Amino acid sequence: MAILRKIYLLLLISALAMSLTSCYQSFEPDIESVPVLCMNSEITPGDSINLFLTRTWSWSEGEEESLDLDVTDADVRLIVNGEYKETLCPAIVQPSLIVYPTPKERRCYQSQYRPKSGDEIRLEASSPRYGEAFAEVTVPYPVAIDKLEPRIQSFIALGDTTGFPAVADRCEFIMSFKLLVHFTDPGDSVNYYDLSVGTTRYRNYDNEAEAYLSSAFPDFTGEPLFTEHVSILESVIAETSGYTIFSDRQINGHSYPLRIGYDNCSFYYRNPTNLEGPEEYGIKVSLRHVDPTYYKHVISVWEANDAIVGTLGGVGLAPAVYPYSNVSTKAGVVAAYAVSELTLPMVELIRIAREK
């Protein structure tokens, strides 16, 4: 369906382009640009700040992967709540996916100070070659997940499940269910959130114990808050899936259950020696309370890549859409979030399904 939407939109763009032009010629733009500092960082309570400092580059320099863009000669100052705290030191870490799409170890500047919720953070970078840049952000407070409520739609048990969860032989459960993630919006301000769901595979080779969920792809299409930024027209012809970021504009100050779907997933379980590990395996839900910078950046990426205005802007039929930046040079983003996590053990989910 998403492919068809893209095809329809491209056909519309092509028709508009043909109606506006009758001929074309190739040219190579020669645009002079001066490199500036680019700042990227995700700040969370209790963790050191890792600032990835690079420079902007021109298309004529080559592909990004072939260039060394890291800025290593900068002085980076950390200001917390209006007071100088420290100068960040060089380090090598693996960034998160929002900073770099392809995670690999990169050079950065790291703080000794671990920020707290409510801290007003200001990062100031100065390079003798690329000038100065700064960014400011306030670290949010975590918003707790009140409970995870599974609603079983179908359930099949295979194998010897009489002794489950302490079984000697491998067994399997095939099920479809809805998972409701209950939380309460504080209501004292405008809040923004991002939801993520994941599982981990457990395996103990020495004791022949294992627990894992197969074909478990969470379906977020049943939650209307995840598409609140999408217009009626875009819901028909633009790509809207894959985003789980939302605001509290419709639920301000109220409790609300986010809806996640799981269809025909299989849970494999084997625990001949009754270890504790397999019983702890489950679905982990993370609710991020994000700052406005984080929200604006993600929405702007959607607008640039998938929304109608971004698609039209990519072919010159509308103003170009650029990712939002809170950095003084308009390159990069320094964001902050606080996360709350809750895990639904699979053995608890199976217990609920069998009692239904």
Protein backbone atom coordinates (compact mmCIF):
# COMPACT_ATOMS: atom_id res chain seq x y z
CA MET A 1 0.00 0.00 0.00
CA ALA A 2 2.83 2.38 0.87
CA ILE A 3 4.46 1.68 -2.52
CA LEU A 4 1.20 2.48 -4.33
CA ARG A 5 0.91 5.75 -2.42
CA LYS A 6 4.40 6.74 -3.52
CA ILE A 7 3.62 5.79 -7.13
CA TYR A 8 0.43 7.89 -7.16
CA LEU A 9 2.25 10.87 -5.70
CA LEU A 10 5.15 10.56 -8.16
CA LEU A 11 2.69 10.34 -11.06
CA LEU A 12 1.02 13.51 -9.82
CA ILE A 13 4.37 15.26 -9.55
CA SER A 14 5.38 14.10 -13.03
CA ALA A 15 2.14 15.41 -14.47
CA LEU A 16 2.66 18.78 -12.83
CA ALA A 17 6.25 18.94 -14.00
CA MET A 18 5.27 18.13 -17.60
CA SER A 19 2.61 20.81 -17.54
CA LEU A 20 5.11 23.42 -16.37
CA THR A 21 8.10 22.59 -18.55
CA SER A 22 8.68 21.58 -22.15
CA CYS A 23 12.45 21.18 -22.17
CA TYR A 24 15.39 20.98 -19.81
CA GLN A 25 19.17 21.10 -19.78
CA SER A 26 21.79 19.69 -17.45
CA PHE A 27 23.88 21.96 -15.25
CA GLU A 28 26.22 21.64 -12.32
CA PRO A 29 25.58 24.18 -9.55
CA ASP A 30 28.68 25.88 -8.20
CA ILE A 31 27.61 27.13 -4.78
CA GLU A 32 30.20 28.64 -2.50
CA SER A 33 29.79 27.59 1.13
CA VAL A 34 31.83 28.00 4.28
CA PRO A 35 31.94 24.95 6.57
CA VAL A 36 30.41 25.45 10.02
CA LEU A 37 30.21 23.34 13.16
CA CYS A 38 27.53 20.65 13.40
CA MET A 39 26.47 19.48 16.89
CA ASN A 40 24.60 16.23 17.64
CA SER A 41 23.77 14.81 21.05
CA GLU A 42 21.06 12.94 22.96
CA ILE A 43 21.02 13.87 26.64
CA THR A 44 19.40 11.64 29.27
CA PRO A 45 19.28 11.89 33.09
CA GLY A 46 22.08 10.03 34.84
CA ASP A 47 24.28 9.53 31.76
CA SER A 48 27.35 11.41 30.60
CA ILE A 49 26.81 13.85 27.75
CA ASN A 50 28.34 12.70 24.45
CA LEU A 51 28.59 15.53 21.94
CA PHE A 52 29.40 14.54 18.36
CA LEU A 53 31.05 17.52 16.74
CA THR A 54 31.49 17.57 12.97
CA ARG A 55 31.54 20.13 10.18
CA THR A 56 29.27 20.72 7.23
CA TRP A 57 30.55 19.86 3.75
CA SER A 58 29.86 20.61 0.10
CA TRP A 59 28.53 18.01 -2.37
CA SER A 60 31.64 18.56 -4.47
CA GLU A 61 33.85 17.10 -1.69
CA GLY A 62 32.44 13.61 -2.22
CA GLU A 63 30.26 11.16 -0.31
CA GLU A 64 29.91 11.58 3.46
CA GLU A 65 31.21 8.06 4.12
CA SER A 66 34.50 8.87 2.40
CA LEU A 67 35.16 12.09 4.33
CA ASP A 68 36.61 12.65 7.77
CA LEU A 69 34.19 15.22 9.14
CA ASP A 70 34.96 14.91 12.86
CA VAL A 71 36.20 18.13 14.46
CA THR A 72 38.88 17.28 17.01
CA ASP A 73 40.45 20.67 17.73
CA ALA A 74 37.47 22.30 19.45
CA ASP A 75 36.98 23.61 22.95
CA VAL A 76 33.56 22.45 24.27
CA ARG A 77 32.11 24.08 27.38
CA LEU A 78 29.20 22.74 29.43
CA ILE A 79 26.90 25.26 31.12
CA VAL A 80 24.33 23.85 33.57
CA ASN A 81 21.53 26.07 34.91
CA GLY A 82 23.45 29.17 33.88
CA GLU A 83 26.74 28.19 35.53
CA TYR A 84 29.93 26.86 33.91
CA LYS A 85 30.35 23.21 34.86
CA GLU A 86 33.31 21.82 32.89
CA THR A 87 35.13 21.51 29.58
CA LEU A 88 34.28 18.25 27.80
CA CYS A 89 37.06 15.75 27.03
CA PRO A 90 37.64 13.72 23.82
CA ALA A 91 36.26 10.15 23.87
CA ILE A 92 35.28 7.31 21.54
CA VAL A 93 31.77 5.86 21.88
CA GLN A 94 28.99 4.30 19.81
CA PRO A 95 26.23 6.83 19.13
CA SER A 96 22.50 6.12 19.17
CA LEU A 97 20.50 5.82 15.96
CA ILE A 98 19.03 9.31 16.04
CA VAL A 99 22.51 10.81 15.95
CA TYR A 100 23.86 8.57 13.21
CA PRO A 101 21.71 6.09 11.19
CA THR A 102 24.59 3.59 10.99
CA PRO A 103 25.91 2.95 14.50
CA LYS A 104 29.67 2.60 14.78
CA GLU A 105 32.30 3.90 17.14
CA ARG A 106 32.91 7.61 16.64
CA ARG A 107 34.94 10.35 18.24
CA CYS A 108 33.05 12.73 20.51
CA TYR A 109 33.40 15.10 23.47
CA GLN A 110 32.25 13.61 26.78
CA SER A 111 31.28 15.17 30.10
CA GLN A 112 32.06 13.98 33.60
CA TYR A 113 28.86 15.61 34.80
CA ARG A 114 25.71 13.50 34.59
CA PRO A 115 22.68 15.73 34.06
CA LYS A 116 19.47 15.51 36.07
CA SER A 117 15.87 16.00 35.03
CA GLY A 118 15.09 19.71 35.07
CA ASP A 119 18.66 20.77 34.23
CA GLU A 120 18.99 23.52 31.64
CA ILE A 121 21.92 22.43 29.49
CA ARG A 122 23.92 24.70 27.21
CA LEU A 123 26.80 23.38 25.09
CA GLU A 124 29.25 25.86 23.57
CA ALA A 125 31.80 24.72 20.99
CA SER A 126 34.61 26.78 19.53
CA SER A 127 36.97 25.64 16.76
CA PRO A 128 39.85 27.77 15.41
CA ARG A 129 39.04 26.47 11.94
CA TYR A 130 35.22 26.29 11.83
CA GLY A 131 34.11 28.96 14.27
CA GLU A 132 31.59 28.70 17.09
CA ALA A 133 28.29 26.96 17.76
CA PHE A 134 25.97 26.51 20.73
CA ALA A 135 22.74 24.73 21.63
CA GLU A 136 20.39 24.73 24.61
CA VAL A 137 17.95 22.12 25.92
CA THR A 138 16.10 21.27 29.14
CA VAL A 139 16.23 17.67 30.37
CA PRO A 140 12.67 16.29 30.87
CA TYR A 141 11.34 14.30 33.81
CA PRO A 142 10.33 10.67 33.19
CA VAL A 143 6.63 9.85 32.81
CA ALA A 144 5.89 6.41 34.22
CA ILE A 145 4.13 3.60 32.41
CA ASP A 146 1.26 2.74 34.76
CA LYS A 147 0.70 -0.80 33.48
CA LEU A 148 0.81 -3.09 30.45
CA GLU A 149 -2.55 -4.70 29.67
CA PRO A 150 -2.63 -7.58 27.16
CA ARG A 151 -5.90 -8.44 25.43
CA ILE A 152 -5.78 -11.89 23.90
CA GLN A 153 -7.42 -12.36 20.49
CA SER A 154 -6.31 -15.89 19.60
CA PHE A 155 -4.17 -18.51 21.33
CA ILE A 156 -2.82 -21.97 20.42
CA ALA A 157 -0.55 -24.14 22.58
CA LEU A 158 1.70 -26.75 20.94
CA GLY A 159 3.86 -29.45 22.56
CA ASP A 160 3.90 -30.63 26.15
CA THR A 161 2.76 -27.58 28.13
CA THR A 162 1.45 -29.36 31.23
CA GLY A 163 4.41 -28.29 33.37
CA PHE A 164 4.77 -24.81 31.90
CA PRO A 165 6.69 -22.70 32.75
CA ALA A 166 9.05 -25.30 34.26
CA VAL A 167 8.87 -27.71 31.31
CA ALA A 168 11.33 -30.45 30.39
CA ASP A 169 10.54 -30.36 26.68
CA ARG A 170 10.28 -27.51 24.26
CA CYS A 171 6.84 -26.02 23.78
CA GLU A 172 5.39 -23.31 21.58
CA PHE A 173 2.54 -20.82 21.86
CA ILE A 174 1.04 -19.05 18.85
CA MET A 175 -1.05 -16.00 19.61
CA SER A 176 -2.48 -12.68 18.49
CA PHE A 177 -3.11 -9.95 21.02
CA LYS A 178 -3.37 -6.25 21.65
CA LEU A 179 -1.05 -4.64 24.17
CA LEU A 180 -2.35 -1.53 25.91
CA VAL A 181 0.31 0.76 27.37
CA HIS A 182 -1.34 2.83 30.10
CA PHE A 183 0.27 6.11 31.21
CA THR A 184 -0.86 9.43 32.65
CA ASP A 185 0.10 12.74 31.09
CA PRO A 186 1.20 15.27 33.76
CA GLY A 187 -0.98 18.03 32.29
CA ASP A 188 1.09 20.90 33.72
CA SER A 189 2.67 21.73 30.35
CA VAL A 190 2.80 20.71 26.70
CA ASN A 191 4.47 17.30 26.60
CA TYR A 192 5.93 15.15 23.84
CA TYR A 193 6.55 11.41 23.79
CA ASP A 194 8.13 8.62 21.79
CA LEU A 195 7.32 4.92 22.22
CA SER A 196 9.52 1.93 21.44
CA VAL A 197 8.90 -1.79 21.91
CA GLY A 198 11.40 -4.63 21.82
CA THR A 199 12.27 -8.11 23.00
CA THR A 200 15.50 -9.93 23.75
CA ARG A 201 16.41 -13.53 23.03
CA TYR A 202 17.34 -15.72 25.99
CA ARG A 203 19.48 -18.81 25.50
CA ASN A 204 21.56 -20.85 27.97
CA TYR A 205 23.54 -23.49 26.09
CA ASP A 206 24.81 -25.26 29.23
CA ASN A 207 21.32 -25.92 30.58
CA GLU A 208 19.58 -26.17 27.18
CA ALA A 209 17.19 -23.40 28.17
CA GLU A 210 15.79 -20.86 25.73
CA ALA A 211 12.98 -18.37 25.36
CA TYR A 212 12.30 -16.16 22.38
CA LEU A 213 9.50 -14.56 20.42
CA SER A 214 9.36 -15.22 16.68
CA SER A 215 7.53 -13.23 13.97
CA ALA A 216 6.70 -10.61 16.58
CA PHE A 217 6.39 -7.36 14.65
CA PRO A 218 4.52 -4.70 16.61
CA ASP A 219 1.73 -3.03 14.65
CA PHE A 220 1.33 0.65 15.54
CA THR A 221 -1.30 1.49 12.92
CA GLY A 222 -4.15 1.07 15.42
CA GLU A 223 -2.97 3.98 17.58
CA PRO A 224 -4.35 7.34 16.29
CA LEU A 225 -1.92 9.47 18.32
CA PHE A 226 0.98 8.24 16.18
CA THR A 227 -0.52 9.90 13.09
CA GLU A 228 -1.86 13.10 14.65
CA HIS A 229 0.65 15.08 12.57
CA VAL A 230 -0.69 13.63 9.29
CA SER A 231 -3.29 15.54 7.24
CA ILE A 232 -6.29 13.84 5.64
CA LEU A 233 -4.73 14.05 2.18
CA GLU A 234 -1.39 12.73 3.40
CA SER A 235 -3.08 9.79 5.10
CA VAL A 236 -4.17 8.67 1.62
CA ILE A 237 -1.10 9.26 -0.55
CA ALA A 238 1.88 9.74 1.82
CA GLU A 239 3.88 7.26 3.91
CA THR A 240 2.69 7.48 7.52
CA SER A 241 3.86 4.24 9.16
CA GLY A 242 6.94 3.74 11.29
CA TYR A 243 6.57 6.82 13.49
CA THR A 244 5.70 6.48 17.19
CA ILE A 245 6.23 10.05 18.32
CA PHE A 246 3.28 12.11 19.53
CA SER A 247 2.18 15.05 21.67
CA ASP A 248 -0.37 15.37 24.48
CA ARG A 249 -2.58 17.80 22.59
CA GLN A 250 -5.49 15.30 22.66
CA ILE A 251 -4.88 13.76 26.10
CA ASN A 252 -3.52 16.65 28.17
CA GLY A 253 -3.67 15.80 31.87
CA HIS A 254 -5.45 12.48 31.35
CA SER A 255 -4.63 8.77 31.50
CA TYR A 256 -4.49 7.05 28.14
CA PRO A 257 -3.80 3.55 26.76
CA LEU A 258 -1.54 3.41 23.71
CA ARG A 259 -2.52 0.47 21.46
CA ILE A 260 0.00 -1.96 19.98
CA GLY A 261 -0.97 -4.99 17.92
CA TYR A 262 0.74 -8.38 17.63
CA ASP A 263 -0.55 -10.80 15.01
CA ASN A 264 0.29 -14.54 14.85
CA CYS A 265 3.54 -14.37 16.82
CA SER A 266 5.16 -17.50 18.24
CA PHE A 267 6.70 -17.85 21.68
CA TYR A 268 9.21 -20.70 22.01
CA TYR A 269 10.04 -21.90 25.52
CA ARG A 270 12.31 -24.57 26.95
CA ASN A 271 13.50 -24.70 30.55
CA PRO A 272 14.39 -28.24 31.68
CA THR A 273 16.16 -27.13 34.89
CA ASN A 274 13.71 -24.40 35.90
CA LEU A 275 16.13 -21.48 35.53
CA GLU A 276 14.96 -17.96 36.39
CA GLY A 277 16.24 -16.39 33.17
CA PRO A 278 13.63 -17.71 30.71
CA GLU A 279 10.78 -16.68 33.01
CA GLU A 280 12.03 -13.09 33.03
CA TYR A 281 12.03 -12.90 29.23
CA GLY A 282 9.31 -10.61 27.90
CA ILE A 283 8.20 -7.64 25.84
CA LYS A 284 9.90 -4.44 27.01
CA VAL A 285 8.09 -1.16 26.42
CA SER A 286 9.95 2.15 26.65
CA LEU A 287 8.14 5.50 26.90
CA ARG A 288 10.37 8.47 26.27
CA HIS A 289 9.32 11.88 27.56
CA VAL A 290 11.11 14.02 24.98
CA ASP A 291 11.88 17.71 24.84
CA PRO A 292 10.29 19.87 22.08
CA THR A 293 13.55 19.88 20.11
CA TYR A 294 13.48 16.09 19.77
CA TYR A 295 9.82 16.16 18.65
CA LYS A 296 10.29 18.97 16.12
CA HIS A 297 13.35 17.25 14.65
CA VAL A 298 11.61 13.89 14.11
CA ILE A 299 8.49 15.53 12.62
CA SER A 300 10.64 17.64 10.29
CA VAL A 301 12.43 14.49 9.09
CA TRP A 302 9.04 12.96 8.29
CA GLU A 303 7.98 16.12 6.46
CA ALA A 304 11.18 16.13 4.42
CA ASN A 305 11.14 12.42 3.52
CA ASP A 306 7.50 11.33 3.40
CA ALA A 307 5.06 14.25 3.56
CA ILE A 308 3.62 15.87 0.44
CA VAL A 309 5.44 19.18 0.92
CA GLY A 310 8.80 17.42 1.23
CA THR A 311 8.22 15.25 -1.83
CA LEU A 312 7.19 18.27 -3.92
CA GLY A 313 10.13 20.25 -2.55
CA GLY A 314 12.49 17.48 -3.64
CA VAL A 315 11.59 18.10 -7.29
CA GLY A 316 11.41 21.88 -7.12
CA LEU A 317 7.62 22.25 -6.99
CA ALA A 318 7.56 23.56 -3.41
CA PRO A 319 9.99 25.13 -0.95
CA ALA A 320 12.57 22.62 0.28
CA VAL A 321 12.01 21.14 3.74
CA TYR A 322 15.03 20.82 6.02
CA PRO A 323 15.35 18.95 9.33
CA TYR A 324 14.76 21.13 12.37
CA SER A 325 17.88 22.20 14.27
CA ASN A 326 18.29 23.98 17.60
CA VAL A 327 22.02 24.57 16.98
CA SER A 328 23.07 28.16 16.37
CA THR A 329 24.64 27.20 13.01
CA LYS A 330 21.43 25.33 11.97
CA ALA A 331 23.44 22.12 11.62
CA GLY A 332 22.61 19.16 13.86
CA VAL A 333 20.35 18.74 16.86
CA VAL A 334 20.96 18.57 20.62
CA ALA A 335 17.97 16.81 22.16
CA ALA A 336 17.03 15.38 25.56
CA TYR A 337 14.65 12.78 26.89
CA ALA A 338 13.85 10.77 30.03
CA VAL A 339 12.71 7.18 29.64
CA SER A 340 10.41 4.89 31.64
CA GLU A 341 10.41 1.15 30.96
CA LEU A 342 8.14 -1.74 31.85
CA THR A 343 8.37 -5.41 30.81
CA LEU A 344 5.54 -7.87 30.31
CA PRO A 345 6.97 -11.35 31.04
CA MET A 346 5.93 -13.84 28.39
CA VAL A 347 5.06 -16.42 31.05
CA GLU A 348 2.56 -13.90 32.48
CA LEU A 349 1.10 -13.32 29.00
CA ILE A 350 0.72 -17.09 28.51
CA ARG A 351 -0.92 -17.42 31.94
CA ILE A 352 -3.47 -14.76 31.02
CA ALA A 353 -4.13 -16.41 27.65
CA ARG A 354 -4.64 -19.85 29.17
CA GLU A 355 -7.05 -18.53 31.79
CA LYS A 356 -9.15 -16.70 29.22
